[in-house]
Amino acid sequence: MSAEHVPTDIKFHEPVLLRSGHTGISAISTLAQARDLLRDGWPDTRGKWYYAANRACADAVDGRSSVHIARRIFVYAVEESRLQA
């Protein structure tokens, strides 16, 4: 039996705010935005929560976990890398 596929454009219940550049703030509002940032825009500092967030986002896309859990772990990764706004 195959896992249910969850659309990556599903919105988080609340955006994750993070620093962008020297004075800007970005709002990550969807699973797709979180995955894109983790893949292509993350700083070189990558700790355990970065890797956990990648897994959680992939699991949410594959229907093995909830988007709520992926968001929570993404927030931990943002805090770990000191990207929070």
Protein backbone atom coordinates (compact mmCIF):
# COMPACT_ATOMS: atom_id res chain seq x y z
CA MET A 1 0.00 0.00 0.00
CA SER A 2 1.42 3.40 -0.95
CA ALA A 3 1.59 6.38 1.39
CA GLU A 4 -0.77 9.28 0.80
CA HIS A 5 0.98 12.15 -1.01
CA VAL A 6 0.64 15.51 0.73
CA PRO A 7 0.90 18.63 -1.46
CA THR A 8 4.05 20.61 -0.70
CA ASP A 9 2.20 23.93 -1.00
CA ILE A 10 0.15 23.21 2.12
CA LYS A 11 0.28 26.18 4.48
CA PHE A 12 1.67 26.06 7.99
CA HIS A 13 -0.82 27.04 10.71
CA GLU A 14 1.50 29.99 11.44
CA PRO A 15 4.43 31.31 9.37
CA VAL A 16 7.96 30.81 10.65
CA LEU A 17 9.75 34.17 10.76
CA LEU A 18 13.47 34.30 10.17
CA ARG A 19 16.20 36.80 9.45
CA SER A 20 16.88 37.53 5.81
CA GLY A 21 19.98 39.52 4.97
CA HIS A 22 21.12 42.24 7.35
CA THR A 23 17.80 43.91 8.12
CA GLY A 24 15.06 41.85 6.50
CA ILE A 25 12.65 39.26 7.79
CA SER A 26 11.25 36.39 5.73
CA ALA A 27 8.09 34.46 6.47
CA ILE A 28 8.14 30.76 5.62
CA SER A 29 4.47 29.88 5.23
CA THR A 30 4.41 26.55 3.40
CA LEU A 31 6.07 23.16 3.44
CA ALA A 32 7.49 23.87 -0.03
CA GLN A 33 9.14 27.09 1.17
CA ALA A 34 10.69 25.28 4.13
CA ARG A 35 12.03 22.49 1.90
CA ASP A 36 13.45 25.00 -0.59
CA LEU A 37 15.22 26.92 2.16
CA LEU A 38 16.63 23.74 3.68
CA ARG A 39 17.90 22.55 0.28
CA ASP A 40 19.17 25.76 -1.28
CA GLY A 41 19.31 28.62 1.20
CA TRP A 42 20.55 27.21 4.48
CA PRO A 43 23.82 28.49 5.97
CA ASP A 44 26.81 26.17 6.18
CA THR A 45 26.15 25.60 9.88
CA ARG A 46 24.07 22.45 9.89
CA GLY A 47 23.28 20.71 13.13
CA LYS A 48 21.08 17.80 14.12
CA TRP A 49 17.84 19.80 13.75
CA TYR A 50 18.71 20.77 10.17
CA TYR A 51 18.91 17.09 9.23
CA ALA A 52 15.82 16.27 11.28
CA ALA A 53 13.90 19.06 9.50
CA ASN A 54 14.86 17.66 6.11
CA ARG A 55 13.59 14.23 7.15
CA ALA A 56 10.41 15.66 8.69
CA CYS A 57 9.58 17.66 5.55
CA ALA A 58 10.17 14.61 3.35
CA ASP A 59 8.00 12.50 5.66
CA ALA A 60 5.22 15.11 5.52
CA VAL A 61 5.34 15.16 1.71
CA ASP A 62 5.13 11.35 1.65
CA GLY A 63 2.26 11.31 4.14
CA ARG A 64 4.26 9.51 6.84
CA SER A 65 4.08 12.49 9.20
CA SER A 66 2.07 15.66 9.64
CA VAL A 67 2.89 19.11 8.32
CA HIS A 68 2.47 20.36 11.90
CA ILE A 69 5.36 18.15 13.06
CA ALA A 70 7.49 19.20 10.09
CA ARG A 71 6.90 22.86 10.98
CA ARG A 72 7.81 22.30 14.62
CA ILE A 73 11.08 20.57 13.72
CA PHE A 74 11.82 23.28 11.11
CA VAL A 75 11.45 25.87 13.90
CA TYR A 76 14.00 23.93 15.98
CA ALA A 77 16.39 24.01 13.00
CA VAL A 78 15.87 27.76 12.58
CA GLU A 79 16.62 28.31 16.27
CA GLU A 80 19.64 25.98 16.18
CA SER A 81 21.14 27.96 13.31
CA ARG A 82 20.22 31.28 14.96
CA LEU A 83 18.07 32.38 12.03
CA GLN A 84 15.00 33.32 14.07
CA ALA A 85 13.72 36.86 13.64
